[in-house]
Protein backbone atom coordinates (compact mmCIF):
# COMPACT_ATOMS: atom_id res chain seq x y z
CA MET A 1 135.14 136.73 98.21
CA ALA A 2 133.00 139.78 99.04
CA ASP A 3 131.73 139.83 95.44
CA PHE A 4 130.76 136.16 95.66
CA ILE A 5 128.85 136.70 98.93
CA THR A 6 127.08 139.77 97.52
CA GLN A 7 126.24 137.88 94.33
CA GLY A 8 124.84 134.92 96.31
CA ARG A 9 122.82 137.20 98.56
CA THR A 10 121.53 139.21 95.59
CA ARG A 11 120.41 136.05 93.81
CA ALA A 12 118.63 134.82 96.96
CA GLN A 13 117.00 138.25 97.38
CA GLU A 14 115.96 138.26 93.71
CA SER A 15 114.41 134.83 94.13
CA SER A 16 112.67 135.78 97.36
CA SER A 17 111.27 138.87 95.66
CA ALA A 18 110.08 136.75 92.69
CA ILE A 19 108.18 134.40 95.04
CA GLU A 20 106.56 137.37 96.78
CA ARG A 21 105.59 138.86 93.41
CA MET A 22 104.05 135.56 92.32
CA TYR A 23 101.85 135.34 95.42
CA ILE A 24 100.72 138.96 95.22
CA THR A 25 99.93 138.49 91.52
CA MET A 26 98.02 135.24 92.14
CA ARG A 27 95.89 136.95 94.81
CA HIS A 28 95.22 139.85 92.45
CA LEU A 29 94.22 137.51 89.59
CA PHE A 30 91.99 135.53 91.96
CA ASN A 31 90.18 138.72 93.06
CA ARG A 32 89.84 139.77 89.43
CA GLY A 33 88.17 136.44 88.59
CA PHE A 34 90.03 135.36 85.45
CA TYR A 35 93.25 135.75 83.50
CA LYS A 36 95.03 134.59 80.33
CA PRO A 37 98.19 132.73 81.40
CA MET A 38 100.04 133.48 78.15
CA GLY A 39 98.55 136.96 77.73
CA VAL A 40 99.45 140.29 79.34
CA SER A 41 97.72 139.32 82.61
CA GLY A 42 99.94 136.25 82.95
CA ASP A 43 103.20 138.16 82.23
CA THR A 44 104.17 138.69 85.87
CA LEU A 45 103.67 135.05 86.81
CA ARG A 46 105.71 133.82 83.83
CA GLU A 47 108.51 136.34 84.36
CA ALA A 48 108.73 135.59 88.08
CA LEU A 49 108.85 131.83 87.47
CA LEU A 50 111.63 132.27 84.90
CA ILE A 51 113.63 134.51 87.28
CA LEU A 52 113.10 131.98 90.03
CA ARG A 53 113.96 128.85 88.03
CA PRO A 54 112.77 126.50 90.82
CA GLU A 55 114.77 123.28 91.22
CA ILE A 56 111.66 121.18 90.70
CA TYR A 57 111.08 122.67 87.23
CA GLY A 58 114.62 121.94 86.07
CA SER A 59 115.43 123.58 82.74
CA VAL A 60 112.27 125.74 82.56
CA ALA A 61 114.36 128.80 81.62
CA GLU A 62 116.19 126.99 78.79
CA GLU A 63 115.03 126.35 75.23
CA LYS A 64 114.76 122.59 75.57
CA VAL A 65 111.60 121.17 77.11
CA GLU A 66 111.92 120.05 80.76
CA LEU A 67 110.84 116.38 81.07
CA ASN A 68 111.15 115.53 84.79
CA GLY A 69 109.41 118.78 85.73
CA LEU A 70 106.66 118.02 83.21
CA LEU A 71 106.11 114.58 84.75
CA TYR A 72 105.98 116.09 88.25
CA VAL A 73 103.35 118.63 87.16
CA ILE A 74 101.27 116.21 85.08
CA ASP A 75 101.00 113.85 88.09
CA ARG A 76 99.43 116.70 90.07
CA LEU A 77 96.94 117.88 87.44
CA PRO A 78 93.91 116.02 86.05
CA ILE A 79 94.28 113.69 83.07
CA GLY A 80 93.25 115.56 79.92
CA ILE A 81 94.09 119.07 81.14
CA GLU A 82 96.57 119.51 78.28
CA GLU A 83 93.59 119.41 75.85
CA CYS A 84 91.61 122.13 77.65
CA ARG A 85 91.59 125.78 76.67
CA TYR A 86 89.36 126.78 79.58
CA ILE A 87 90.38 125.88 83.14
CA ASN A 88 87.84 126.81 85.79
CA LEU A 89 88.74 126.73 89.50
CA THR A 90 85.57 126.14 91.52
CA SER A 91 84.44 125.50 95.07
CA ASP A 92 82.55 122.28 95.93
CA GLU A 93 79.50 123.23 93.87
CA GLY A 94 77.64 119.91 93.60
CA TYR A 95 79.38 118.33 90.61
CA LYS A 96 79.72 115.06 92.54
CA ASN A 97 75.92 114.65 92.26
CA SER A 98 75.96 115.08 88.48
CA HIS A 99 76.76 112.82 85.52
CA PHE A 100 80.32 114.22 85.46
CA LYS A 101 82.85 111.63 86.50
CA PRO A 102 85.46 112.91 89.00
CA ILE A 103 89.07 112.83 87.78
CA VAL A 104 91.56 112.63 90.66
CA PRO A 105 95.23 113.39 89.83
CA PRO A 106 97.59 110.56 90.90
CA LYS A 107 99.60 112.75 93.33
CA ARG A 108 97.00 115.23 94.61
CA ARG A 109 93.67 114.47 96.29
CA ARG A 110 91.35 116.85 94.47
CA ASN A 111 88.23 116.28 92.37
CA CYS A 112 88.33 117.57 88.79
CA TYR A 113 85.60 117.39 86.16
CA ARG A 114 85.89 117.46 82.37
CA ILE A 115 82.89 119.59 81.43
CA ASP A 116 83.33 119.32 77.65
CA GLU A 117 86.13 119.01 75.10
CA GLU A 118 87.50 122.45 75.94
CA GLN A 119 86.84 122.89 79.68
CA MET A 120 88.25 121.36 82.86
CA ASN A 121 86.84 122.26 86.29
CA ILE A 122 89.16 121.83 89.29
CA GLU A 123 87.54 121.78 92.74
CA ILE A 124 89.36 123.83 95.39
CA THR A 125 88.48 122.71 98.92
CA ARG A 126 91.86 123.08 100.65
CA GLY A 127 92.40 126.82 100.66
CA ARG A 128 94.81 129.27 99.08
CA SER A 129 97.79 126.90 99.06
CA GLU A 130 95.92 124.69 96.60
CA ILE A 131 95.24 127.63 94.27
CA TYR A 132 98.92 128.68 94.40
CA ASP A 133 99.96 125.09 93.69
CA ILE A 134 97.70 124.76 90.63
CA LEU A 135 98.50 128.20 89.16
CA THR A 136 102.25 127.59 89.53
CA HIS A 137 101.96 124.23 87.77
CA LEU A 138 99.79 125.69 85.00
CA THR A 139 102.28 128.54 84.46
CA PHE A 140 105.07 125.97 84.04
CA LEU A 141 102.91 123.85 81.72
CA PHE A 142 102.04 126.77 79.45
CA ILE A 143 105.65 128.01 79.29
CA GLU A 144 106.66 124.51 78.15
CA SER A 145 103.83 124.41 75.60
CA HIS A 146 105.11 127.61 73.99
CA LYS A 147 108.61 126.14 73.82
CA ILE A 148 107.13 123.25 71.80
CA MET A 149 105.27 125.72 69.56
CA ASN A 150 108.42 127.80 68.97
CA ARG A 151 110.31 124.71 67.84
CA VAL A 152 107.70 123.49 65.32
CA VAL A 153 106.11 126.61 63.77
CA ILE A 154 108.16 127.70 60.74
CA ASN A 155 106.49 130.97 59.76
CA GLU A 156 103.71 133.44 60.60
CA GLU A 157 101.21 131.53 58.47
CA GLY A 158 101.46 128.64 60.91
CA ASN A 159 103.32 126.14 58.72
CA VAL A 160 104.92 123.41 60.84
CA THR A 161 107.95 121.14 60.67
CA ARG A 162 107.90 117.58 59.35
CA ASP A 163 108.59 116.33 62.90
CA TRP A 164 105.33 117.90 64.06
CA GLU A 165 103.34 116.42 61.18
CA LYS A 166 104.70 112.94 62.00
CA LEU A 167 103.89 113.32 65.70
CA GLU A 168 100.36 114.48 64.85
CA LYS A 169 99.85 111.44 62.59
CA ALA A 170 100.97 109.06 65.36
CA VAL A 171 98.80 110.71 68.05
CA LEU A 172 95.65 110.88 65.90
CA SER A 173 96.03 107.31 64.64
CA LYS A 174 93.15 105.08 65.73
CA GLU A 175 95.35 101.98 65.61
CA GLU A 176 97.59 100.91 68.46
CA LEU A 177 101.21 101.82 67.68
CA THR A 178 103.69 99.01 67.08
CA LYS A 179 107.08 99.19 68.80
CA ALA A 180 108.67 100.41 65.56
CA GLU A 181 105.99 103.09 65.00
CA ARG A 182 106.34 104.25 68.61
CA GLU A 183 110.11 104.58 68.27
CA VAL A 184 109.69 106.56 65.04
CA ALA A 185 107.23 108.88 66.83
CA LEU A 186 109.63 109.24 69.77
CA THR A 187 112.45 110.16 67.36
CA HIS A 188 110.39 113.04 65.96
CA THR A 189 109.29 114.02 69.48
CA ALA A 190 112.93 114.12 70.66
CA ASN A 191 113.70 116.60 67.85
CA ILE A 192 110.70 118.74 68.84
CA LEU A 193 111.71 118.76 72.51
CA GLY A 194 115.41 119.38 71.94
CA ARG A 195 116.18 116.15 73.81
CA THR A 196 118.00 112.94 72.90
CA PHE A 197 116.10 109.85 71.80
CA GLU A 198 117.38 108.06 74.93
CA GLU A 199 116.07 110.78 77.27
CA VAL A 200 112.65 110.70 75.63
CA ARG A 201 112.44 106.90 75.53
CA SER A 202 113.44 106.51 79.18
CA ILE A 203 110.71 108.86 80.46
CA TYR A 204 107.99 107.72 78.03
CA GLU A 205 106.84 104.82 80.31
CA SER A 206 106.50 107.11 83.34
CA PHE A 207 103.72 109.06 81.59
CA SER A 208 101.77 105.97 80.46
CA CYS A 209 98.51 105.12 82.21
CA ALA A 210 95.85 102.42 81.87
CA GLU A 211 93.59 104.70 79.80
CA ASN A 212 96.32 105.79 77.39
CA LYS A 213 99.61 103.97 76.87
CA GLU A 214 100.81 106.72 74.48
CA ARG A 215 100.04 109.49 76.97
CA PHE A 216 103.48 111.07 76.66
CA LEU A 217 103.06 111.64 72.90
CA HIS A 218 99.50 112.78 73.53
CA ILE A 219 100.55 115.40 76.13
CA ILE A 220 103.34 116.84 73.94
CA TYR A 221 101.01 117.03 70.94
CA TRP A 222 98.13 118.76 72.75
CA LEU A 223 100.37 121.19 74.61
CA GLY A 224 101.93 122.18 71.29
CA LYS A 225 98.61 122.25 69.43
CA LEU A 226 96.92 124.66 71.88
CA ALA A 227 100.01 126.87 71.94
CA ILE A 228 100.02 126.99 68.10
CA GLU A 229 96.29 127.90 68.06
CA GLU A 230 96.96 130.54 70.71
CA SER A 231 99.78 132.06 68.72
CA ILE A 232 98.45 131.78 65.15
CA GLU A 233 94.66 131.96 65.64
CA ASP A 234 94.64 134.04 68.85
CA LYS A 235 92.60 131.37 70.70
CA LYS A 236 93.85 132.21 74.20
CA ARG A 237 93.80 129.77 77.09
CA ILE A 238 91.87 131.20 80.04
CA VAL A 239 91.89 130.39 83.75
CA THR A 240 88.77 131.46 85.66
CA PHE A 241 87.79 131.42 89.35
CA SER A 242 84.11 130.74 90.07
CA PRO A 243 82.15 133.43 91.99
CA VAL A 244 81.27 130.86 94.70
CA LEU A 245 84.96 130.00 95.21
CA ARG A 246 85.88 133.68 95.53
CA GLU A 247 83.09 134.19 98.05
CA ARG A 248 83.85 131.09 100.18
CA LEU A 249 87.64 131.11 100.34
CA GLY A 250 89.06 131.55 103.83
CA HIS A 251 85.77 130.88 105.66
CA HIS A 252 86.76 127.46 107.06
CA ILE A 253 83.58 125.94 105.56
CA HIS A 254 85.12 122.51 104.88
CA GLY A 255 87.23 122.47 108.05
CA ASP A 256 84.18 123.20 110.22
CA ILE A 257 82.11 120.37 108.71
CA TRP A 258 85.12 118.03 108.86
CA SER A 259 85.89 118.68 112.57
CA ASN A 260 82.23 118.48 113.64
CA THR A 261 81.90 115.07 111.96
CA ILE A 262 84.88 113.80 114.00
CA LYS A 263 83.56 115.22 117.31
CA LYS A 264 80.09 113.86 116.64
CA LYS A 265 81.60 110.41 116.06
CA LEU A 266 83.59 110.72 119.33
CA GLU A 267 80.35 111.60 121.13
CA GLU A 268 78.56 108.57 119.60
CA LEU A 269 81.42 106.31 120.73
CA ASN A 270 81.47 107.89 124.24
CA LEU A 271 85.08 108.99 123.74
CA LEU A 272 84.69 112.76 124.06
CA GLU A 273 85.68 112.85 127.75
CA ARG A 274 88.73 110.61 127.30
CA PRO A 275 92.37 111.85 126.93
CA ILE A 276 92.74 112.60 123.21
CA HIS A 277 95.94 112.54 121.18
CA ILE A 278 95.92 113.92 117.63
CA ILE A 279 98.39 112.68 115.04
CA SER A 280 98.74 114.13 111.53
CA ALA A 281 100.15 111.25 109.47
CA ASN A 282 99.32 108.89 106.62
CA MET A 283 96.49 106.38 106.89
CA HIS A 284 98.62 103.28 107.40
CA SER A 285 101.58 103.78 109.72
CA VAL A 286 99.76 104.09 113.08
CA MET A 287 97.32 101.30 112.21
CA ASN A 288 100.15 99.01 111.07
CA ALA A 289 102.37 99.79 114.07
CA LEU A 290 99.51 98.95 116.48
CA TYR A 291 97.90 95.98 114.73
CA ALA A 292 100.21 94.44 112.09
CA PRO A 293 102.32 92.47 114.63
CA ILE A 294 99.07 90.93 116.02
CA ALA A 295 97.28 90.35 112.69
CA LEU A 296 100.34 88.98 110.88
CA LYS A 297 101.96 86.80 113.55
CA VAL A 298 102.56 84.00 111.05
CA GLU A 299 104.11 86.32 108.44
CA LEU A 300 106.28 87.89 111.15
CA LYS A 301 107.95 84.63 112.20
CA ASN A 302 111.09 84.96 110.10
CA LYS A 303 110.99 88.73 109.64
CA SER A 304 111.76 91.86 111.61
CA THR A 305 108.85 94.27 112.12
CA PHE A 306 110.48 96.73 109.67
CA ASP A 307 110.57 93.97 107.00
CA LEU A 308 106.88 93.46 107.68
CA TYR A 309 106.14 97.18 107.28
CA GLU A 310 108.09 97.17 104.02
CA SER A 311 105.96 94.26 102.73
CA LEU A 312 102.78 96.14 103.71
CA SER A 313 103.93 99.19 101.73
CA GLU A 314 104.22 97.19 98.47
CA ASN A 315 101.25 97.50 96.11
CA LYS A 316 101.03 93.75 95.51
CA ASN A 317 100.26 92.96 99.19
CA ASP A 318 96.60 94.05 99.28
CA LYS A 319 95.56 90.92 101.19
CA LEU A 320 98.04 91.55 104.00
CA ARG A 321 96.84 95.15 104.35
CA ALA A 322 93.20 94.03 104.37
CA LYS A 323 93.99 91.52 107.13
CA VAL A 324 95.53 94.26 109.33
CA GLU A 325 92.62 96.64 108.68
CA LYS A 326 90.04 93.96 109.49
CA LEU A 327 91.64 93.27 112.87
CA ALA A 328 92.04 97.00 113.60
CA LEU A 329 88.31 97.57 112.98
CA GLN A 330 87.50 94.73 115.39
CA LYS A 331 89.85 96.00 118.09
CA GLY A 332 89.08 99.67 118.52
CA MET A 333 89.63 101.46 115.20
CA THR A 334 86.86 103.54 113.61
CA TYR A 335 87.39 104.89 110.09
CA ILE A 336 85.82 108.20 109.06
CA ASP A 337 85.71 108.58 105.28
CA ASP A 338 85.73 112.32 104.70
CA GLN A 339 82.65 113.70 102.93
CA SER A 340 83.23 117.37 103.82
CA GLY A 341 85.41 118.21 100.82
CA ALA A 342 88.48 118.74 103.04
CA ASN A 343 89.89 115.52 101.53
CA ILE A 344 91.27 114.44 104.91
CA ASN A 345 90.21 110.98 106.06
CA VAL A 346 90.43 110.11 109.75
CA GLN A 347 91.00 107.07 111.96
CA VAL A 348 89.95 106.98 115.62
CA PHE A 349 91.67 104.41 117.87
CA ASP A 350 90.05 103.50 121.19
CA THR A 351 92.98 101.91 123.04
CA SER A 352 90.71 100.41 125.72
CA LYS A 353 89.90 97.79 123.06
CA TYR A 354 93.56 97.35 122.11
CA THR A 355 94.62 93.96 123.49
CA ASP A 356 97.53 91.59 122.78
CA GLY A 357 99.61 94.35 121.15
CA GLU A 358 103.19 95.19 122.04
CA TYR A 359 102.21 98.57 123.55
CA GLU A 360 99.37 97.14 125.66
CA ASN A 361 101.59 96.61 128.73
CA LEU A 362 102.14 100.41 128.88
CA ILE A 363 98.44 101.03 129.68
CA THR A 364 97.31 97.85 131.50
CA ASP A 365 97.41 99.64 134.87
CA ARG A 366 94.99 102.36 133.69
CA GLU A 367 91.21 102.38 133.93
CA ASP A 368 89.43 102.17 130.55
CA ASP A 369 88.14 105.73 131.00
CA ASP A 370 91.71 106.95 131.30
CA LYS A 371 93.13 105.08 128.29
CA PRO A 372 94.15 107.28 125.35
CA VAL A 373 92.06 107.88 122.26
CA ILE A 374 94.20 108.49 119.18
CA ILE A 375 92.84 110.53 116.27
CA VAL A 376 94.93 110.09 113.10
CA MET A 377 94.19 112.69 110.43
CA ASP A 378 95.56 112.37 106.91
CA TYR A 379 97.91 115.10 105.67
CA ALA A 380 96.54 118.61 105.25
CA PHE A 381 97.81 120.81 102.41
CA GLY A 382 99.60 124.07 103.20
CA GLU A 383 97.32 126.69 104.78
CA GLN A 384 94.63 124.03 105.17
CA ALA A 385 96.63 122.77 108.17
CA TYR A 386 95.62 125.89 110.12
CA GLU A 387 91.96 125.60 109.11
CA THR A 388 91.60 121.94 110.09
CA MET A 389 93.63 122.06 113.33
CA ASP A 390 91.98 125.33 114.40
CA GLU A 391 88.52 123.80 113.97
CA LEU A 392 89.46 120.45 115.54
CA LEU A 393 90.73 122.07 118.75
CA LYS A 394 87.60 124.21 119.25
CA PRO A 395 85.03 123.12 121.88
CA TYR A 396 82.24 120.87 120.59
CA VAL A 397 78.62 122.03 120.70
CA ASN A 398 76.31 119.04 120.31
CA ALA A 399 72.76 118.88 118.85
CA LYS A 400 71.28 119.86 122.25
CA GLY A 401 73.52 122.95 122.42
CA VAL A 402 75.73 121.51 125.16
CA LYS A 403 79.30 122.80 124.86
CA SER A 404 82.22 120.60 125.85
CA HIS A 405 85.97 121.14 125.56
CA VAL A 406 87.92 118.39 123.82
CA ASN A 407 90.49 116.92 126.23
CA VAL A 408 93.48 117.16 123.88
CA LYS A 409 96.65 115.96 125.63
CA SER A 410 99.04 116.03 122.66
CA VAL A 411 99.36 116.88 118.98
CA SER A 412 101.93 115.01 116.88
CA ILE A 413 102.83 115.94 113.31
CA MET A 414 104.82 113.56 111.15
CA GLY A 415 105.38 113.76 107.44
CA LYS A 416 107.73 114.26 104.51
CA ALA A 417 109.92 117.32 104.04
CA GLY A 418 112.83 118.53 101.96
CA ILE A 419 116.15 118.30 103.79
CA LEU A 420 119.01 120.78 103.32
CA GLU A 421 121.75 118.69 104.87
CA GLY A 422 121.71 114.92 104.45
CA GLY A 423 119.71 112.86 101.98
CA LYS A 424 116.49 110.95 101.24
CA GLY A 425 115.22 108.91 104.19
CA ASP A 426 117.03 110.93 106.91
CA ILE A 427 114.98 112.35 109.81
CA MET A 428 114.48 115.98 110.86
CA ILE A 429 113.41 117.01 114.37
CA PRO A 430 112.36 120.69 114.32
CA THR A 431 112.90 123.01 117.27
CA ALA A 432 110.96 125.87 115.63
CA HIS A 433 108.97 126.68 112.49
CA VAL A 434 109.78 129.85 110.55
CA PHE A 435 107.21 131.08 108.03
CA GLU A 436 108.77 131.91 104.65
CA GLY A 437 108.64 135.52 103.49
CA THR A 438 108.01 136.79 107.02
CA ALA A 439 109.89 136.99 110.32
CA ASP A 440 107.07 134.95 111.95
CA ASN A 441 108.61 132.18 114.00
CA TYR A 442 107.16 129.53 116.27
CA PRO A 443 109.66 128.00 118.70
CA PHE A 444 108.27 125.12 120.79
CA LYS A 445 109.35 122.34 123.11
CA ASN A 446 109.39 119.23 120.91
CA GLN A 447 108.68 116.06 122.91
CA LEU A 448 110.57 114.12 120.23
CA ARG A 449 114.30 114.60 120.58
CA LYS A 450 117.26 113.65 118.46
CA LYS A 451 118.46 111.06 121.00
CA ASP A 452 115.04 109.30 120.94
CA LEU A 453 115.55 108.28 117.31
CA GLU A 454 119.30 107.68 117.17
CA GLY A 455 120.93 104.25 116.95
CA HIS A 456 118.87 102.83 114.08
CA GLY A 457 121.21 103.53 111.18
CA ILE A 458 119.38 106.71 110.11
CA ASP A 459 120.94 110.18 110.28
CA ILE A 460 118.97 112.56 112.51
CA TYR A 461 119.13 116.38 112.26
CA ASP A 462 117.59 118.98 114.54
CA GLY A 463 117.10 122.72 114.12
CA ALA A 464 114.60 125.21 112.70
CA MET A 465 112.43 124.34 109.71
CA ILE A 466 110.99 126.70 107.13
CA THR A 467 107.29 126.46 106.30
CA VAL A 468 107.28 127.48 102.65
CA LEU A 469 104.40 128.93 100.63
CA GLY A 470 104.88 126.16 98.05
CA THR A 471 107.58 123.51 97.70
CA SER A 472 107.52 123.82 93.92
CA LEU A 473 108.79 127.42 94.06
CA GLN A 474 112.02 126.89 96.00
CA ASN A 475 115.31 127.29 94.18
CA ARG A 476 118.92 126.56 95.09
CA ASP A 477 119.76 130.18 96.00
CA ILE A 478 116.93 130.57 98.52
CA LEU A 479 117.57 127.13 100.00
CA LYS A 480 121.29 127.82 100.30
CA PHE A 481 120.51 131.11 102.05
CA PHE A 482 118.21 129.30 104.51
CA HIS A 483 120.85 126.65 105.12
CA ASP A 484 123.83 128.98 105.55
CA SER A 485 122.09 131.76 107.49
CA THR A 486 121.88 132.14 111.27
CA TRP A 487 118.33 130.75 111.17
CA ASN A 488 120.01 127.30 111.26
CA VAL A 489 117.41 125.79 108.92
CA ILE A 490 117.56 122.00 108.41
CA GLY A 491 114.61 121.51 106.06
CA LEU A 492 111.45 122.82 104.44
CA GLU A 493 107.82 121.74 104.39
CA MET A 494 104.40 123.37 103.94
CA GLU A 495 102.31 122.87 107.07
CA GLY A 496 104.35 123.17 110.30
CA ALA A 497 103.89 126.89 111.05
CA HIS A 498 100.17 126.62 110.22
CA TYR A 499 99.66 123.72 112.65
CA GLN A 500 101.68 125.44 115.40
CA LYS A 501 99.79 128.72 114.93
CA ALA A 502 96.50 126.85 115.53
CA ILE A 503 97.87 124.91 118.53
CA GLN A 504 99.32 128.04 120.17
CA SER A 505 96.18 130.12 119.73
CA ALA A 506 93.96 127.28 121.07
CA SER A 507 96.18 126.54 124.10
CA ARG A 508 97.56 129.96 125.05
CA LEU A 509 95.01 132.53 123.91
CA ARG A 510 91.56 131.02 123.45
CA GLY A 511 91.73 128.43 126.23
CA SER A 512 90.13 125.76 124.02
CA ILE A 513 92.69 123.17 125.14
CA SER A 514 95.15 122.92 128.03
CA PRO A 515 98.24 125.17 127.89
CA LYS A 516 100.18 122.04 128.93
CA VAL A 517 99.38 120.30 125.61
CA LYS A 518 102.43 118.40 124.36
CA VAL A 519 103.63 118.74 120.76
CA ARG A 520 105.73 116.42 118.65
CA TYR A 521 107.08 117.16 115.18
CA ALA A 522 109.24 114.85 113.07
CA TYR A 523 109.78 114.62 109.32
CA TYR A 524 111.62 112.22 107.08
CA ALA A 525 113.41 113.53 104.01
CA SER A 526 111.64 112.98 100.70
CA ASP A 527 114.34 114.86 98.82
CA ASN A 528 117.33 117.15 99.11
CA PRO A 529 116.57 120.10 96.83
CA LEU A 530 120.18 121.33 97.16
CA GLU A 531 121.48 118.14 95.55
CA THR A 532 121.23 117.85 91.77
CA GLY A 533 119.11 114.81 90.91
CA SER A 534 117.58 114.62 94.40
CA THR A 535 114.60 116.95 94.03
CA LEU A 536 110.99 115.75 94.25
CA ALA A 537 110.87 115.70 90.45
CA SER A 538 113.54 112.97 90.41
CA GLY A 539 110.99 110.38 91.58
CA GLY A 540 109.59 108.85 94.75
CA LEU A 541 111.28 107.38 97.77
CA GLY A 542 110.37 103.76 97.05
CA THR A 543 110.91 101.79 100.25
CA THR A 544 113.52 104.29 101.56
CA GLY A 545 110.77 106.07 103.48
CA VAL A 546 109.45 102.97 105.26
CA LYS A 547 112.03 102.73 108.05
CA PRO A 548 112.04 106.43 109.07
CA THR A 549 108.21 106.55 108.88
CA TYR A 550 107.77 103.65 111.28
CA LEU A 551 110.63 104.70 113.53
CA ILE A 552 108.90 108.05 114.07
CA THR A 553 105.46 106.38 114.38
CA GLU A 554 106.63 103.89 117.01
CA LYS A 555 108.27 106.63 119.09
CA ILE A 556 105.10 108.79 118.96
CA ILE A 557 102.87 105.84 120.00
CA GLU A 558 105.27 104.88 122.79
CA GLN A 559 105.23 108.43 124.21
CA ILE A 560 101.42 108.64 123.98
CA PHE A 561 100.97 105.34 125.81
CA LYS A 562 103.44 106.33 128.54
CA GLU A 563 101.88 109.77 129.05
CA ARG A 564 99.97 110.30 132.28
């Protein structure tokens, strides 16, 4: 028994040390300005990732190519990156005003630009967490590319297997592949990847996109091709960091512009003096909870409100969503489309114009000047949460130099997180945030309590939550340690400690906002990384996330409207 405990602890310590090494290395490489991911300079990152074997990257440490992990990474990197030998991380340096067309990855809001056949520029506007995220994904991608190369190169001269030749022929063909030709190509690809034909065929569709139906074959071919050229012809792939990015990082440039735009808009709308409630959430749940029951009275007749929210979350129901948005804009909502580079859009709700809604009766007895103003900000990313919240809570200095404190009454954070006990769709109510890799902890009085959300058929958990440096680096051993230790950790996410650090410094040290500011945190589970087949790489939530999202949203709105 003692041996087992020691072994478990040692593995968790090893993993924790590997994460620390990765972050130190990434900072060093960033300061240096460039590195070769598959060269000597990339050794530490590769070794640490292989020691770590994060759950999200599946079989990264095995010989066979990891397919679910590859899909997860490809969804977060720009289309065409597998073809590029040069990857340049830049600041916002004016590319949006050029002929270059922005490429936005499906699962990450960031602008990328294909400069030429060999170079991809990725714009970093969300701080260090974004750099860590990209470098980790690139390390995984290049490890996988060398696995492909090792399986197809026969000798030192660079001769390749027949499977590779057949895949190359299919990818470079100008004609659209027939079903038979595609299945032949997938057979050869399965051999190259060390996977079964069934495994390859079942994931093939997930990679397809409008621009390229055969994208899966394309990605495997180009990853392998660049790895072969790197190995045989010594054409190394290089990641560079632009001088402007290195100079600007950590200066809150985007957060400052972003927050001033919001405060300026509040001033224009005469809302700056009103009680303000900030919510970090998606761009639909608060709007739908307030306005969907009014805008869609007819559609609601034979449905529950949760059925209605589920319909609104389906891609095919654009018209229903447009109807809700149109009414919201007429009855107090202002939309701020972010131009600062922070990639965080904002909605401002003036509840004095909110009439006929189901929450209206909670504020009818209040004067218009005393009715809440709700600011909904889209999700921040990792450390960016500190930058944006820190700037938003600072006093506003207008064009005439007049300084005014923002009357922030509450800050509510809702979002997705990994759960360590329970499953997808369950709800977590944190009592504290603990910052991974440190003993920094942020206990707080959460206005949302377990009993507020019980009784709706969803399991609710409360306890401490870990704010991790990157969700893609967590492995079973670390998570198990968090779960079983006296920290009483129920889940993991990337922003909580950063938000709380900003709120605490603004309310308790700097006096920017009232020390009586109320905080609410609630997360619904997007995955359980301790359960095999339940990691983020296993796919999205579908409609499982709808009920917990709106349950949390409704409770937050209810508390805001009742607050005096």
